[in-house]
Amino acid sequence: MDEKHDQTLAMLNDENHPQQTRTNDNRSPLAKCCTSFLGTLHNNLLLTLTIAGVFLGFLMGFLIRLSEPTSETIMMLSFPGDILMRMLKMLILPLITSSLIT
């Protein structure tokens, strides 16, 4: 394995194999800023999607409230939330019990 590593380093340092560098100096400052911003969003993808989901949820809730939904529609929309809350209660109860015992 060391041999392969040494060969790779020798090839990178050889003049016949120029190192690949990115030259982005010819781009406008706005393009550089946008690329940097999009790179940051990509690096923090979980945070980005969480914030987008929160805003999408607020928007959907606002639009659904304006349409005056029926009781059946409300039941269908609240079902996943009820399942989530029950799941969290099932998770919390053993944690509290074990905490009180210890």
PDB file of N, CA and C in Angstrom:
ATOM      1  N   MET A   1       0.823  -1.189   0.000  1.00  0.00           N
ATOM      2  CA  MET A   1       0.000   0.000   0.000  1.00  0.00           C
ATOM      3  C   MET A   1       0.873   1.262   0.000  1.00  0.00           C
ATOM      4  N   ASP A   2       1.999   1.208   0.702  1.00  0.00           N
ATOM      5  CA  ASP A   2       2.896   2.359   0.725  1.00  0.00           C
ATOM      6  C   ASP A   2       3.481   2.634  -0.650  1.00  0.00           C
ATOM      7  N   GLU A   3       3.708   1.552  -1.423  1.00  0.00           N
ATOM      8  CA  GLU A   3       4.244   1.714  -2.766  1.00  0.00           C
ATOM      9  C   GLU A   3       3.296   2.512  -3.651  1.00  0.00           C
ATOM     10  N   LYS A   4       2.007   2.167  -3.580  1.00  0.00           N
ATOM     11  CA  LYS A   4       1.011   2.881  -4.385  1.00  0.00           C
ATOM     12  C   LYS A   4       0.932   4.343  -3.970  1.00  0.00           C
ATOM     13  N   HIS A   5       1.017   4.564  -2.666  1.00  0.00           N
ATOM     14  CA  HIS A   5       0.956   5.927  -2.149  1.00  0.00           C
ATOM     15  C   HIS A   5       2.159   6.737  -2.641  1.00  0.00           C
ATOM     16  N   ASP A   6       3.338   6.113  -2.595  1.00  0.00           N
ATOM     17  CA  ASP A   6       4.545   6.799  -3.060  1.00  0.00           C
ATOM     18  C   ASP A   6       4.487   7.085  -4.552  1.00  0.00           C
ATOM     19  N   GLN A   7       3.941   6.130  -5.324  1.00  0.00           N
ATOM     20  CA  GLN A   7       3.822   6.340  -6.762  1.00  0.00           C
ATOM     21  C   GLN A   7       2.877   7.501  -7.065  1.00  0.00           C
ATOM     22  N   THR A   8       1.792   7.557  -6.318  1.00  0.00           N
ATOM     23  CA  THR A   8       0.825   8.635  -6.520  1.00  0.00           C
ATOM     24  C   THR A   8       1.452   9.987  -6.192  1.00  0.00           C
ATOM     25  N   LEU A   9       2.194  10.058  -5.094  1.00  0.00           N
ATOM     26  CA  LEU A   9       2.853  11.313  -4.728  1.00  0.00           C
ATOM     27  C   LEU A   9       3.895  11.714  -5.757  1.00  0.00           C
ATOM     28  N   ALA A  10       4.645  10.729  -6.262  1.00  0.00           N
ATOM     29  CA  ALA A  10       5.655  11.031  -7.278  1.00  0.00           C
ATOM     30  C   ALA A  10       5.000  11.547  -8.550  1.00  0.00           C
ATOM     31  N   MET A  11       3.856  10.956  -8.910  1.00  0.00           N
ATOM     32  CA  MET A  11       3.160  11.379 -10.117  1.00  0.00           C
ATOM     33  C   MET A  11       2.604  12.795  -9.956  1.00  0.00           C
ATOM     34  N   LEU A  12       2.136  13.111  -8.757  1.00  0.00           N
ATOM     35  CA  LEU A  12       1.601  14.450  -8.525  1.00  0.00           C
ATOM     36  C   LEU A  12       2.701  15.504  -8.563  1.00  0.00           C
ATOM     37  N   ASN A  13       3.890  15.158  -8.096  1.00  0.00           N
ATOM     38  CA  ASN A  13       4.989  16.118  -8.062  1.00  0.00           C
ATOM     39  C   ASN A  13       5.755  16.198  -9.378  1.00  0.00           C
ATOM     40  N   ASP A  14       5.476  15.287 -10.306  1.00  0.00           N
ATOM     41  CA  ASP A  14       6.171  15.256 -11.590  1.00  0.00           C
ATOM     42  C   ASP A  14       5.721  16.435 -12.453  1.00  0.00           C
ATOM     43  N   GLU A  15       6.651  16.995 -13.199  1.00  0.00           N
ATOM     44  CA  GLU A  15       6.329  18.130 -14.066  1.00  0.00           C
ATOM     45  C   GLU A  15       5.473  17.724 -15.256  1.00  0.00           C
ATOM     46  N   ASN A  16       5.545  16.455 -15.652  1.00  0.00           N
ATOM     47  CA  ASN A  16       4.760  15.985 -16.794  1.00  0.00           C
ATOM     48  C   ASN A  16       3.285  15.811 -16.450  1.00  0.00           C
ATOM     49  N   HIS A  17       2.970  15.758 -15.183  1.00  0.00           N
ATOM     50  CA  HIS A  17       1.582  15.616 -14.737  1.00  0.00           C
ATOM     51  C   HIS A  17       1.207  16.867 -13.952  1.00  0.00           C
ATOM     52  N   PRO A  18       0.763  17.891 -14.623  1.00  0.00           N
ATOM     53  CA  PRO A  18       0.431  19.128 -13.897  1.00  0.00           C
ATOM     54  C   PRO A  18      -0.765  18.905 -12.976  1.00  0.00           C
ATOM     55  N   GLN A  19      -0.685  19.532 -11.842  1.00  0.00           N
ATOM     56  CA  GLN A  19      -1.784  19.424 -10.892  1.00  0.00           C
ATOM     57  C   GLN A  19      -2.983  20.192 -11.413  1.00  0.00           C
ATOM     58  N   GLN A  20      -4.137  19.604 -11.175  1.00  0.00           N
ATOM     59  CA  GLN A  20      -5.361  20.256 -11.633  1.00  0.00           C
ATOM     60  C   GLN A  20      -5.797  21.269 -10.588  1.00  0.00           C
ATOM     61  N   THR A  21      -5.881  22.493 -11.000  1.00  0.00           N
ATOM     62  CA  THR A  21      -6.349  23.551 -10.107  1.00  0.00           C
ATOM     63  C   THR A  21      -7.547  24.222 -10.748  1.00  0.00           C
ATOM     64  N   ARG A  22      -8.417  24.694  -9.907  1.00  0.00           N
ATOM     65  CA  ARG A  22      -9.604  25.395 -10.398  1.00  0.00           C
ATOM     66  C   ARG A  22      -9.283  26.875 -10.484  1.00  0.00           C
ATOM     67  N   THR A  23      -9.474  27.426 -11.633  1.00  0.00           N
ATOM     68  CA  THR A  23      -9.257  28.861 -11.803  1.00  0.00           C
ATOM     69  C   THR A  23     -10.610  29.510 -12.030  1.00  0.00           C
ATOM     70  N   ASN A  24     -11.116  30.108 -10.970  1.00  0.00           N
ATOM     71  CA  ASN A  24     -12.421  30.764 -11.030  1.00  0.00           C
ATOM     72  C   ASN A  24     -12.261  32.279 -10.982  1.00  0.00           C
ATOM     73  N   ASP A  25     -11.086  32.778 -11.269  1.00  0.00           N
ATOM     74  CA  ASP A  25     -10.837  34.209 -11.161  1.00  0.00           C
ATOM     75  C   ASP A  25     -11.559  35.014 -12.231  1.00  0.00           C
ATOM     76  N   ASN A  26     -11.960  34.363 -13.324  1.00  0.00           N
ATOM     77  CA  ASN A  26     -12.603  35.106 -14.403  1.00  0.00           C
ATOM     78  C   ASN A  26     -14.106  35.272 -14.191  1.00  0.00           C
ATOM     79  N   ARG A  27     -14.627  34.772 -13.070  1.00  0.00           N
ATOM     80  CA  ARG A  27     -16.059  34.920 -12.798  1.00  0.00           C
ATOM     81  C   ARG A  27     -16.337  36.251 -12.110  1.00  0.00           C
ATOM     82  N   SER A  28     -17.576  36.689 -12.229  1.00  0.00           N
ATOM     83  CA  SER A  28     -17.966  37.946 -11.596  1.00  0.00           C
ATOM     84  C   SER A  28     -18.108  37.740 -10.087  1.00  0.00           C
ATOM     85  N   PRO A  29     -18.047  38.808  -9.308  1.00  0.00           N
ATOM     86  CA  PRO A  29     -18.222  38.680  -7.856  1.00  0.00           C
ATOM     87  C   PRO A  29     -19.583  38.102  -7.477  1.00  0.00           C
ATOM     88  N   LEU A  30     -20.615  38.427  -8.257  1.00  0.00           N
ATOM     89  CA  LEU A  30     -21.939  37.877  -7.970  1.00  0.00           C
ATOM     90  C   LEU A  30     -21.951  36.368  -8.166  1.00  0.00           C
ATOM     91  N   ALA A  31     -21.303  35.883  -9.211  1.00  0.00           N
ATOM     92  CA  ALA A  31     -21.241  34.442  -9.460  1.00  0.00           C
ATOM     93  C   ALA A  31     -20.459  33.738  -8.363  1.00  0.00           C
ATOM     94  N   LYS A  32     -19.373  34.356  -7.898  1.00  0.00           N
ATOM     95  CA  LYS A  32     -18.596  33.774  -6.804  1.00  0.00           C
ATOM     96  C   LYS A  32     -19.422  33.708  -5.528  1.00  0.00           C
ATOM     97  N   CYS A  33     -20.182  34.766  -5.274  1.00  0.00           N
ATOM     98  CA  CYS A  33     -21.021  34.816  -4.078  1.00  0.00           C
ATOM     99  C   CYS A  33     -22.102  33.745  -4.135  1.00  0.00           C
ATOM    100  N   CYS A  34     -22.748  33.610  -5.288  1.00  0.00           N
ATOM    101  CA  CYS A  34     -23.800  32.605  -5.449  1.00  0.00           C
ATOM    102  C   CYS A  34     -23.244  31.199  -5.302  1.00  0.00           C
ATOM    103  N   THR A  35     -22.070  30.952  -5.878  1.00  0.00           N
ATOM    104  CA  THR A  35     -21.448  29.642  -5.766  1.00  0.00           C
ATOM    105  C   THR A  35     -21.099  29.340  -4.318  1.00  0.00           C
ATOM    106  N   SER A  36     -20.588  30.318  -3.616  1.00  0.00           N
ATOM    107  CA  SER A  36     -20.250  30.142  -2.207  1.00  0.00           C
ATOM    108  C   SER A  36     -21.502  29.873  -1.380  1.00  0.00           C
ATOM    109  N   PHE A  37     -22.571  30.615  -1.646  1.00  0.00           N
ATOM    110  CA  PHE A  37     -23.824  30.439  -0.912  1.00  0.00           C
ATOM    111  C   PHE A  37     -24.415  29.061  -1.170  1.00  0.00           C
ATOM    112  N   LEU A  38     -24.434  28.633  -2.432  1.00  0.00           N
ATOM    113  CA  LEU A  38     -24.973  27.316  -2.761  1.00  0.00           C
ATOM    114  C   LEU A  38     -24.115  26.203  -2.174  1.00  0.00           C
ATOM    115  N   GLY A  39     -22.817  26.406  -2.119  1.00  0.00           N
ATOM    116  CA  GLY A  39     -21.935  25.425  -1.493  1.00  0.00           C
ATOM    117  C   GLY A  39     -22.215  25.296  -0.004  1.00  0.00           C
ATOM    118  N   THR A  40     -22.468  26.423   0.647  1.00  0.00           N
ATOM    119  CA  THR A  40     -22.804  26.398   2.067  1.00  0.00           C
ATOM    120  C   THR A  40     -24.126  25.681   2.296  1.00  0.00           C
ATOM    121  N   LEU A  41     -25.115  25.943   1.447  1.00  0.00           N
ATOM    122  CA  LEU A  41     -26.395  25.246   1.572  1.00  0.00           C
ATOM    123  C   LEU A  41     -26.219  23.745   1.378  1.00  0.00           C
ATOM    124  N   HIS A  42     -25.386  23.362   0.433  1.00  0.00           N
ATOM    125  CA  HIS A  42     -25.155  21.940   0.171  1.00  0.00           C
ATOM    126  C   HIS A  42     -24.429  21.281   1.345  1.00  0.00           C
ATOM    127  N   ASN A  43     -23.478  21.976   1.948  1.00  0.00           N
ATOM    128  CA  ASN A  43     -22.750  21.421   3.088  1.00  0.00           C
ATOM    129  C   ASN A  43     -23.642  21.285   4.313  1.00  0.00           C
ATOM    130  N   ASN A  44     -24.647  22.117   4.437  1.00  0.00           N
ATOM    131  CA  ASN A  44     -25.589  22.076   5.561  1.00  0.00           C
ATOM    132  C   ASN A  44     -26.959  21.633   5.066  1.00  0.00           C
ATOM    133  N   LEU A  45     -27.004  20.523   4.358  1.00  0.00           N
ATOM    134  CA  LEU A  45     -28.227  20.085   3.694  1.00  0.00           C
ATOM    135  C   LEU A  45     -29.339  19.766   4.691  1.00  0.00           C
ATOM    136  N   LEU A  46     -29.015  19.128   5.811  1.00  0.00           N
ATOM    137  CA  LEU A  46     -30.047  18.782   6.791  1.00  0.00           C
ATOM    138  C   LEU A  46     -30.701  20.037   7.359  1.00  0.00           C
ATOM    139  N   LEU A  47     -29.900  21.016   7.710  1.00  0.00           N
ATOM    140  CA  LEU A  47     -30.441  22.276   8.226  1.00  0.00           C
ATOM    141  C   LEU A  47     -31.282  22.975   7.175  1.00  0.00           C
ATOM    142  N   THR A  48     -30.798  22.988   5.939  1.00  0.00           N
ATOM    143  CA  THR A  48     -31.523  23.639   4.848  1.00  0.00           C
ATOM    144  C   THR A  48     -32.880  22.988   4.633  1.00  0.00           C
ATOM    145  N   LEU A  49     -32.913  21.659   4.582  1.00  0.00           N
ATOM    146  CA  LEU A  49     -34.176  20.958   4.357  1.00  0.00           C
ATOM    147  C   LEU A  49     -35.124  21.101   5.543  1.00  0.00           C
ATOM    148  N   THR A  50     -34.581  21.155   6.762  1.00  0.00           N
ATOM    149  CA  THR A  50     -35.429  21.341   7.942  1.00  0.00           C
ATOM    150  C   THR A  50     -36.106  22.707   7.912  1.00  0.00           C
ATOM    151  N   ILE A  51     -35.345  23.740   7.618  1.00  0.00           N
ATOM    152  CA  ILE A  51     -35.921  25.088   7.548  1.00  0.00           C
ATOM    153  C   ILE A  51     -36.925  25.185   6.410  1.00  0.00           C
ATOM    154  N   ALA A  52     -36.607  24.577   5.264  1.00  0.00           N
ATOM    155  CA  ALA A  52     -37.548  24.582   4.138  1.00  0.00           C
ATOM    156  C   ALA A  52     -38.829  23.840   4.501  1.00  0.00           C
ATOM    157  N   GLY A  53     -38.719  22.742   5.235  1.00  0.00           N
ATOM    158  CA  GLY A  53     -39.897  21.992   5.663  1.00  0.00           C
ATOM    159  C   GLY A  53     -40.773  22.786   6.620  1.00  0.00           C
ATOM    160  N   VAL A  54     -40.150  23.539   7.515  1.00  0.00           N
ATOM    161  CA  VAL A  54     -40.918  24.369   8.451  1.00  0.00           C
ATOM    162  C   VAL A  54     -41.694  25.440   7.691  1.00  0.00           C
ATOM    163  N   PHE A  55     -41.030  26.122   6.778  1.00  0.00           N
ATOM    164  CA  PHE A  55     -41.725  27.154   5.997  1.00  0.00           C
ATOM    165  C   PHE A  55     -42.818  26.550   5.124  1.00  0.00           C
ATOM    166  N   LEU A  56     -42.560  25.395   4.537  1.00  0.00           N
ATOM    167  CA  LEU A  56     -43.568  24.729   3.720  1.00  0.00           C
ATOM    168  C   LEU A  56     -44.764  24.309   4.569  1.00  0.00           C
ATOM    169  N   GLY A  57     -44.509  23.842   5.784  1.00  0.00           N
ATOM    170  CA  GLY A  57     -45.596  23.473   6.689  1.00  0.00           C
ATOM    171  C   GLY A  57     -46.457  24.666   7.075  1.00  0.00           C
ATOM    172  N   PHE A  58     -45.815  25.791   7.387  1.00  0.00           N
ATOM    173  CA  PHE A  58     -46.574  27.007   7.699  1.00  0.00           C
ATOM    174  C   PHE A  58     -47.422  27.446   6.511  1.00  0.00           C
ATOM    175  N   LEU A  59     -46.835  27.412   5.334  1.00  0.00           N
ATOM    176  CA  LEU A  59     -47.553  27.823   4.132  1.00  0.00           C
ATOM    177  C   LEU A  59     -48.742  26.904   3.861  1.00  0.00           C
ATOM    178  N   MET A  60     -48.524  25.596   3.972  1.00  0.00           N
ATOM    179  CA  MET A  60     -49.625  24.653   3.737  1.00  0.00           C
ATOM    180  C   MET A  60     -50.727  24.826   4.777  1.00  0.00           C
ATOM    181  N   GLY A  61     -50.338  25.002   6.042  1.00  0.00           N
ATOM    182  CA  GLY A  61     -51.334  25.207   7.089  1.00  0.00           C
ATOM    183  C   GLY A  61     -52.154  26.461   6.865  1.00  0.00           C
ATOM    184  N   PHE A  62     -51.494  27.527   6.456  1.00  0.00           N
ATOM    185  CA  PHE A  62     -52.195  28.777   6.182  1.00  0.00           C
ATOM    186  C   PHE A  62     -53.162  28.614   5.018  1.00  0.00           C
ATOM    187  N   LEU A  63     -52.711  27.973   3.936  1.00  0.00           N
ATOM    188  CA  LEU A  63     -53.568  27.793   2.761  1.00  0.00           C
ATOM    189  C   LEU A  63     -54.733  26.847   3.043  1.00  0.00           C
ATOM    190  N   ILE A  64     -54.490  25.806   3.821  1.00  0.00           N
ATOM    191  CA  ILE A  64     -55.575  24.869   4.147  1.00  0.00           C
ATOM    192  C   ILE A  64     -56.601  25.545   5.044  1.00  0.00           C
ATOM    193  N   ARG A  65     -56.133  26.381   5.973  1.00  0.00           N
ATOM    194  CA  ARG A  65     -57.071  27.084   6.854  1.00  0.00           C
ATOM    195  C   ARG A  65     -57.961  28.044   6.061  1.00  0.00           C
ATOM    196  N   LEU A  66     -57.412  28.664   5.030  1.00  0.00           N
ATOM    197  CA  LEU A  66     -58.204  29.571   4.198  1.00  0.00           C
ATOM    198  C   LEU A  66     -59.281  28.838   3.405  1.00  0.00           C
ATOM    199  N   SER A  67     -59.050  27.562   3.094  1.00  0.00           N
ATOM    200  CA  SER A  67     -60.014  26.817   2.279  1.00  0.00           C
ATOM    201  C   SER A  67     -61.153  26.219   3.100  1.00  0.00           C
ATOM    202  N   GLU A  68     -61.162  26.427   4.408  1.00  0.00           N
ATOM    203  CA  GLU A  68     -62.198  25.918   5.316  1.00  0.00           C
ATOM    204  C   GLU A  68     -62.408  24.417   5.113  1.00  0.00           C
ATOM    205  N   PRO A  69     -61.470  23.587   5.603  1.00  0.00           N
ATOM    206  CA  PRO A  69     -61.547  22.138   5.380  1.00  0.00           C
ATOM    207  C   PRO A  69     -62.677  21.489   6.177  1.00  0.00           C
ATOM    208  N   THR A  70     -63.136  20.350   5.684  1.00  0.00           N
ATOM    209  CA  THR A  70     -64.176  19.587   6.377  1.00  0.00           C
ATOM    210  C   THR A  70     -63.543  18.832   7.537  1.00  0.00           C
ATOM    211  N   SER A  71     -64.388  18.263   8.391  1.00  0.00           N
ATOM    212  CA  SER A  71     -63.866  17.517   9.541  1.00  0.00           C
ATOM    213  C   SER A  71     -63.108  16.269   9.090  1.00  0.00           C
ATOM    214  N   GLU A  72     -63.518  15.681   7.964  1.00  0.00           N
ATOM    215  CA  GLU A  72     -62.807  14.506   7.446  1.00  0.00           C
ATOM    216  C   GLU A  72     -61.399  14.888   6.973  1.00  0.00           C
ATOM    217  N   THR A  73     -61.286  16.036   6.325  1.00  0.00           N
ATOM    218  CA  THR A  73     -59.977  16.502   5.869  1.00  0.00           C
ATOM    219  C   THR A  73     -59.074  16.805   7.055  1.00  0.00           C
ATOM    220  N   ILE A  74     -59.626  17.410   8.090  1.00  0.00           N
ATOM    221  CA  ILE A  74     -58.851  17.712   9.295  1.00  0.00           C
ATOM    222  C   ILE A  74     -58.361  16.424   9.937  1.00  0.00           C
ATOM    223  N   MET A  75     -59.226  15.410   9.983  1.00  0.00           N
ATOM    224  CA  MET A  75     -58.837  14.130  10.564  1.00  0.00           C
ATOM    225  C   MET A  75     -57.699  13.492   9.762  1.00  0.00           C
ATOM    226  N   MET A  76     -57.781  13.547   8.436  1.00  0.00           N
ATOM    227  CA  MET A  76     -56.746  12.949   7.591  1.00  0.00           C
ATOM    228  C   MET A  76     -55.410  13.689   7.739  1.00  0.00           C
ATOM    229  N   LEU A  77     -55.465  14.996   7.912  1.00  0.00           N
ATOM    230  CA  LEU A  77     -54.235  15.767   8.058  1.00  0.00           C
ATOM    231  C   LEU A  77     -53.630  15.636   9.456  1.00  0.00           C
ATOM    232  N   SER A  78     -54.451  15.428  10.470  1.00  0.00           N
ATOM    233  CA  SER A  78     -53.936  15.333  11.833  1.00  0.00           C
ATOM    234  C   SER A  78     -53.462  13.925  12.185  1.00  0.00           C
ATOM    235  N   PHE A  79     -53.793  12.928  11.377  1.00  0.00           N
ATOM    236  CA  PHE A  79     -53.424  11.544  11.669  1.00  0.00           C
ATOM    237  C   PHE A  79     -51.907  11.340  11.787  1.00  0.00           C
ATOM    238  N   PRO A  80     -51.080  11.814  10.840  1.00  0.00           N
ATOM    239  CA  PRO A  80     -49.624  11.630  11.017  1.00  0.00           C
ATOM    240  C   PRO A  80     -49.079  12.327  12.264  1.00  0.00           C
ATOM    241  N   GLY A  81     -49.619  13.476  12.614  1.00  0.00           N
ATOM    242  CA  GLY A  81     -49.182  14.171  13.815  1.00  0.00           C
ATOM    243  C   GLY A  81     -49.537  13.404  15.072  1.00  0.00           C
ATOM    244  N   ASP A  82     -50.724  12.794  15.095  1.00  0.00           N
ATOM    245  CA  ASP A  82     -51.118  11.976  16.237  1.00  0.00           C
ATOM    246  C   ASP A  82     -50.193  10.773  16.392  1.00  0.00           C
ATOM    247  N   ILE A  83     -49.843  10.145  15.282  1.00  0.00           N
ATOM    248  CA  ILE A  83     -48.934   8.998  15.342  1.00  0.00           C
ATOM    249  C   ILE A  83     -47.569   9.437  15.876  1.00  0.00           C
ATOM    250  N   LEU A  84     -47.072  10.583  15.423  1.00  0.00           N
ATOM    251  CA  LEU A  84     -45.785  11.090  15.897  1.00  0.00           C
ATOM    252  C   LEU A  84     -45.825  11.358  17.398  1.00  0.00           C
ATOM    253  N   MET A  85     -46.885  11.988  17.880  1.00  0.00           N
ATOM    254  CA  MET A  85     -46.979  12.291  19.307  1.00  0.00           C
ATOM    255  C   MET A  85     -47.064  11.020  20.141  1.00  0.00           C
ATOM    256  N   ARG A  86     -47.805  10.023  19.682  1.00  0.00           N
ATOM    257  CA  ARG A  86     -47.884   8.751  20.413  1.00  0.00           C
ATOM    258  C   ARG A  86     -46.534   8.050  20.436  1.00  0.00           C
ATOM    259  N   MET A  87     -45.811   8.109  19.318  1.00  0.00           N
ATOM    260  CA  MET A  87     -44.489   7.495  19.254  1.00  0.00           C
ATOM    261  C   MET A  87     -43.531   8.182  20.233  1.00  0.00           C
ATOM    262  N   LEU A  88     -43.587   9.507  20.306  1.00  0.00           N
ATOM    263  CA  LEU A  88     -42.723  10.230  21.238  1.00  0.00           C
ATOM    264  C   LEU A  88     -43.070   9.904  22.691  1.00  0.00           C
ATOM    265  N   LYS A  89     -44.354   9.753  22.989  1.00  0.00           N
ATOM    266  CA  LYS A  89     -44.760   9.376  24.347  1.00  0.00           C
ATOM    267  C   LYS A  89     -44.245   7.990  24.694  1.00  0.00           C
ATOM    268  N   MET A  90     -44.296   7.058  23.727  1.00  0.00           N
ATOM    269  CA  MET A  90     -43.794   5.710  23.972  1.00  0.00           C
ATOM    270  C   MET A  90     -42.283   5.725  24.189  1.00  0.00           C
ATOM    271  N   LEU A  91     -41.596   6.652  23.602  1.00  0.00           N
ATOM    272  CA  LEU A  91     -40.149   6.758  23.757  1.00  0.00           C
ATOM    273  C   LEU A  91     -39.788   7.424  25.083  1.00  0.00           C
ATOM    274  N   ILE A  92     -40.533   8.418  25.485  1.00  0.00           N
ATOM    275  CA  ILE A  92     -40.219   9.193  26.684  1.00  0.00           C
ATOM    276  C   ILE A  92     -40.534   8.422  27.964  1.00  0.00           C
ATOM    277  N   LEU A  93     -41.622   7.675  27.998  1.00  0.00           N
ATOM    278  CA  LEU A  93     -42.036   6.978  29.219  1.00  0.00           C
ATOM    279  C   LEU A  93     -40.952   6.048  29.756  1.00  0.00           C
ATOM    280  N   PRO A  94     -40.343   5.171  28.954  1.00  0.00           N
ATOM    281  CA  PRO A  94     -39.259   4.338  29.506  1.00  0.00           C
ATOM    282  C   PRO A  94     -38.047   5.154  29.957  1.00  0.00           C
ATOM    283  N   LEU A  95     -37.755   6.251  29.286  1.00  0.00           N
ATOM    284  CA  LEU A  95     -36.623   7.079  29.702  1.00  0.00           C
ATOM    285  C   LEU A  95     -36.868   7.715  31.064  1.00  0.00           C
ATOM    286  N   ILE A  96     -38.072   8.200  31.292  1.00  0.00           N
ATOM    287  CA  ILE A  96     -38.401   8.807  32.584  1.00  0.00           C
ATOM    288  C   ILE A  96     -38.398   7.745  33.674  1.00  0.00           C
ATOM    289  N   THR A  97     -38.970   6.577  33.389  1.00  0.00           N
ATOM    290  CA  THR A  97     -39.029   5.497  34.371  1.00  0.00           C
ATOM    291  C   THR A  97     -37.625   5.051  34.766  1.00  0.00           C
ATOM    292  N   SER A  98     -36.763   4.826  33.795  1.00  0.00           N
ATOM    293  CA  SER A  98     -35.396   4.394  34.117  1.00  0.00           C
ATOM    294  C   SER A  98     -34.628   5.495  34.836  1.00  0.00           C
ATOM    295  N   SER A  99     -34.926   6.739  34.546  1.00  0.00           N
ATOM    296  CA  SER A  99     -34.269   7.847  35.231  1.00  0.00           C
ATOM    297  C   SER A  99     -34.698   7.912  36.693  1.00  0.00           C
ATOM    298  N   LEU A 100     -35.973   7.646  36.967  1.00  0.00           N
ATOM    299  CA  LEU A 100     -36.457   7.666  38.345  1.00  0.00           C
ATOM    300  C   LEU A 100     -35.916   6.491  39.146  1.00  0.00           C
ATOM    301  N   ILE A 101     -35.740   5.350  38.501  1.00  0.00           N
ATOM    302  CA  ILE A 101     -35.243   4.161  39.199  1.00  0.00           C
ATOM    303  C   ILE A 101     -33.783   4.341  39.589  1.00  0.00           C
ATOM    304  N   THR A 102     -32.995   4.941  38.720  1.00  0.00           N
ATOM    305  CA  THR A 102     -31.559   5.082  39.020  1.00  0.00           C
ATOM    306  C   THR A 102     -31.317   6.229  39.898  1.00  0.00           C
TER     307      THR A 102
END
